Amino acid sequence: MSTSTFTIPDGTTLTQTRDRKGRRFGVDPVTSRTCTYEGDAAGGRLVDSDGELVREVKVAAAGNPISAKNSRRSRPDNGDASRWRTLNTFVDIIARHLSPVEIAVWMVLFRDCRDGTVKASQRNLASRSGASERSVVRAMRRLRDVRLVEVVKASKSKGEASLYRLEVRPERCLDAITSERPTGDTMAPDHRNDGKQEYRPTGDTLSPVAVANR
């Protein structure tokens, strides 16, 4: 996945990422929404990953480009704006590839994250996400595997908080997420001795378990 800077006709500069299918997407600094540009040098529109309109784009008047700096809809370039961009990107293009438990755990971590890092224990994550500790362990393993979360300092004993770092540009993880085989809390078949498959809910996730022949 490659990243490049792209300026649309109204003068707004987008830092866009091109995925392996050739699609370009990035965060619009005016609306803080993840989108892609459709149009040409004469104008066009920004749309989200589902094709919904984010905003129209017109050619800026000479010497008066429309940008995040002078737009009435813009947010100041501070920590709040950065958090909104991270959250919007996660919701727009990442969440659909994760299980409900993985989304809940990431949201709890994001809720407490400051300056890119957060301290949390498995017990606390389980309590606030509504999942079992075992499900939280699986969810954290997947979030680490796809590089949405990095362990900075692991706890030395059970019940203690570990220090994590969250990827503030979740779109960088899209390739890792979409190229892997589903694991963890996703629905995967379990093959019994008679060659059939069966799914059974366990705990608060839908995880396959072996069922003995009756």
Foldseek 3Di string as FASTA:
>chain_A
DDWDWDAAQLGEIFTWDQDPVRDIWGQAQLQLAIWGFDDDNQWGFTAAPVRHTPGTTGHHDPPGRDYLVPDPSGDDPDPVSLLSNLVNVCVRQPPVLDDLLLVLLVVVQSVQDDPQKHKDALVRSCVRSVFDSVLSVLSVVVCVQLPQKDFPADDPDHPGITMIGGDSNCVVSNCSSVVDDDDRQDDDWDAEPVRDTDWDDDGPGTDRDYDDDD
